[in-house]
Amino acid sequence: MLQQHYSLFDSFFAPTRVIVVSEERLKQAEIEARQNQVDALDVRIEELSKYRNALYSELQALTPGRVGGDLDAMDDSLPNSRDGGTHDG
């Protein structure tokens, strides 16, 4: 029985494998790769848009309508604040 012995150098000096691909198949693979990139970008853009909208909504909730608006609301709740009431000072 013949036993073969393989060494580390066998993989280095192995014959080079050549794969022949038609121009059409190569072009189709390139088109599919580019389409996959476009699809991945579309998904990422959608995710970022949703995140931006959520942050903008939080920002709107934290931002008062106008400067001093909360103080005006507090003034309106006090008696005699807008009708010329007197100050006991």
C-alpha atoms as a PDB file:
ATOM      1  CA  MET A   1       0.000   0.000   0.000  1.00  0.00           C
ATOM      2  CA  LEU A   2       1.323   3.406  -0.971  1.00  0.00           C
ATOM      3  CA  GLN A   3       1.090   6.077   1.725  1.00  0.00           C
ATOM      4  CA  GLN A   4       1.364   9.713   0.737  1.00  0.00           C
ATOM      5  CA  HIS A   5       3.188  12.180   2.887  1.00  0.00           C
ATOM      6  CA  TYR A   6       2.124  15.869   2.803  1.00  0.00           C
ATOM      7  CA  SER A   7       4.218  18.724   4.032  1.00  0.00           C
ATOM      8  CA  LEU A   8       3.691  22.431   4.570  1.00  0.00           C
ATOM      9  CA  PHE A   9       5.401  23.179   1.279  1.00  0.00           C
ATOM     10  CA  ASP A  10       2.880  21.145  -0.704  1.00  0.00           C
ATOM     11  CA  SER A  11       0.286  23.894  -0.338  1.00  0.00           C
ATOM     12  CA  PHE A  12       2.830  26.530  -1.428  1.00  0.00           C
ATOM     13  CA  PHE A  13       3.847  24.739  -4.573  1.00  0.00           C
ATOM     14  CA  ALA A  14       0.443  23.375  -5.547  1.00  0.00           C
ATOM     15  CA  PRO A  15      -0.631  24.259  -9.080  1.00  0.00           C
ATOM     16  CA  THR A  16      -2.534  27.524  -9.376  1.00  0.00           C
ATOM     17  CA  ARG A  17      -6.244  27.135  -9.898  1.00  0.00           C
ATOM     18  CA  VAL A  18      -7.619  29.120 -12.807  1.00  0.00           C
ATOM     19  CA  ILE A  19     -11.336  29.802 -13.010  1.00  0.00           C
ATOM     20  CA  VAL A  20     -12.719  31.044 -16.293  1.00  0.00           C
ATOM     21  CA  VAL A  21     -15.761  33.289 -16.020  1.00  0.00           C
ATOM     22  CA  SER A  22     -17.608  34.778 -18.929  1.00  0.00           C
ATOM     23  CA  GLU A  23     -17.794  38.545 -19.288  1.00  0.00           C
ATOM     24  CA  GLU A  24     -21.583  38.404 -18.899  1.00  0.00           C
ATOM     25  CA  ARG A  25     -21.405  36.504 -15.611  1.00  0.00           C
ATOM     26  CA  LEU A  26     -18.760  38.867 -14.314  1.00  0.00           C
ATOM     27  CA  LYS A  27     -20.886  41.882 -15.257  1.00  0.00           C
ATOM     28  CA  GLN A  28     -23.972  40.315 -13.628  1.00  0.00           C
ATOM     29  CA  ALA A  29     -22.032  39.667 -10.400  1.00  0.00           C
ATOM     30  CA  GLU A  30     -20.890  43.303 -10.377  1.00  0.00           C
ATOM     31  CA  ILE A  31     -24.470  44.523 -10.900  1.00  0.00           C
ATOM     32  CA  GLU A  32     -25.731  42.326  -8.051  1.00  0.00           C
ATOM     33  CA  ALA A  33     -22.979  43.567  -5.739  1.00  0.00           C
ATOM     34  CA  ARG A  34     -23.821  47.213  -6.492  1.00  0.00           C
ATOM     35  CA  GLN A  35     -27.544  46.554  -6.001  1.00  0.00           C
ATOM     36  CA  ASN A  36     -26.814  44.957  -2.631  1.00  0.00           C
ATOM     37  CA  GLN A  37     -24.844  48.073  -1.636  1.00  0.00           C
ATOM     38  CA  VAL A  38     -27.730  50.325  -2.671  1.00  0.00           C
ATOM     39  CA  ASP A  39     -30.215  48.192  -0.718  1.00  0.00           C
ATOM     40  CA  ALA A  40     -28.016  48.287   2.394  1.00  0.00           C
ATOM     41  CA  LEU A  41     -27.722  52.075   2.123  1.00  0.00           C
ATOM     42  CA  ASP A  42     -31.498  52.436   1.744  1.00  0.00           C
ATOM     43  CA  VAL A  43     -32.047  50.412   4.924  1.00  0.00           C
ATOM     44  CA  ARG A  44     -29.469  52.486   6.818  1.00  0.00           C
ATOM     45  CA  ILE A  45     -30.964  55.770   5.577  1.00  0.00           C
ATOM     46  CA  GLU A  46     -34.412  54.645   6.737  1.00  0.00           C
ATOM     47  CA  GLU A  47     -33.035  53.717  10.182  1.00  0.00           C
ATOM     48  CA  LEU A  48     -31.245  57.056  10.506  1.00  0.00           C
ATOM     49  CA  SER A  49     -34.344  58.985   9.397  1.00  0.00           C
ATOM     50  CA  LYS A  50     -36.466  57.256  12.050  1.00  0.00           C
ATOM     51  CA  TYR A  51     -33.813  58.006  14.670  1.00  0.00           C
ATOM     52  CA  ARG A  52     -33.634  61.664  13.582  1.00  0.00           C
ATOM     53  CA  ASN A  53     -37.415  62.030  13.780  1.00  0.00           C
ATOM     54  CA  ALA A  54     -37.458  60.511  17.266  1.00  0.00           C
ATOM     55  CA  LEU A  55     -34.725  62.881  18.451  1.00  0.00           C
ATOM     56  CA  TYR A  56     -36.481  65.858  16.877  1.00  0.00           C
ATOM     57  CA  SER A  57     -39.722  64.920  18.674  1.00  0.00           C
ATOM     58  CA  GLU A  58     -37.849  64.732  21.990  1.00  0.00           C
ATOM     59  CA  LEU A  59     -36.237  68.090  21.283  1.00  0.00           C
ATOM     60  CA  GLN A  60     -39.626  69.671  20.527  1.00  0.00           C
ATOM     61  CA  ALA A  61     -41.015  68.296  23.788  1.00  0.00           C
ATOM     62  CA  LEU A  62     -38.104  69.763  25.743  1.00  0.00           C
ATOM     63  CA  THR A  63     -38.142  73.168  24.017  1.00  0.00           C
ATOM     64  CA  PRO A  64     -40.696  75.693  25.333  1.00  0.00           C
ATOM     65  CA  GLY A  65     -43.036  77.315  22.802  1.00  0.00           C
ATOM     66  CA  ARG A  66     -41.466  80.722  23.360  1.00  0.00           C
ATOM     67  CA  VAL A  67     -39.080  82.225  25.844  1.00  0.00           C
ATOM     68  CA  GLY A  68     -40.898  83.102  29.069  1.00  0.00           C
ATOM     69  CA  GLY A  69     -44.042  81.241  28.037  1.00  0.00           C
ATOM     70  CA  ASP A  70     -44.034  79.173  31.204  1.00  0.00           C
ATOM     71  CA  LEU A  71     -43.808  82.338  33.336  1.00  0.00           C
ATOM     72  CA  ASP A  72     -46.777  83.865  31.500  1.00  0.00           C
ATOM     73  CA  ALA A  73     -48.828  80.776  32.301  1.00  0.00           C
ATOM     74  CA  MET A  74     -47.841  81.085  35.961  1.00  0.00           C
ATOM     75  CA  ASP A  75     -48.761  84.795  35.953  1.00  0.00           C
ATOM     76  CA  ASP A  76     -52.185  83.997  34.504  1.00  0.00           C
ATOM     77  CA  SER A  77     -52.887  81.620  37.372  1.00  0.00           C
ATOM     78  CA  LEU A  78     -52.343  84.332  40.013  1.00  0.00           C
ATOM     79  CA  PRO A  79     -55.329  86.462  41.097  1.00  0.00           C
ATOM     80  CA  ASN A  80     -55.344  90.127  39.942  1.00  0.00           C
ATOM     81  CA  SER A  81     -52.334  89.587  37.734  1.00  0.00           C
ATOM     82  CA  ARG A  82     -53.708  90.962  34.453  1.00  0.00           C
ATOM     83  CA  ASP A  83     -56.572  93.203  35.539  1.00  0.00           C
ATOM     84  CA  GLY A  84     -54.596  95.983  37.184  1.00  0.00           C
ATOM     85  CA  GLY A  85     -54.618  94.589  40.703  1.00  0.00           C
ATOM     86  CA  THR A  86     -52.739  96.369  43.434  1.00  0.00           C
ATOM     87  CA  HIS A  87     -49.557  95.382  45.092  1.00  0.00           C
ATOM     88  CA  ASP A  88     -49.474  95.443  48.871  1.00  0.00           C
ATOM     89  CA  GLY A  89     -45.922  96.518  49.406  1.00  0.00           C
END
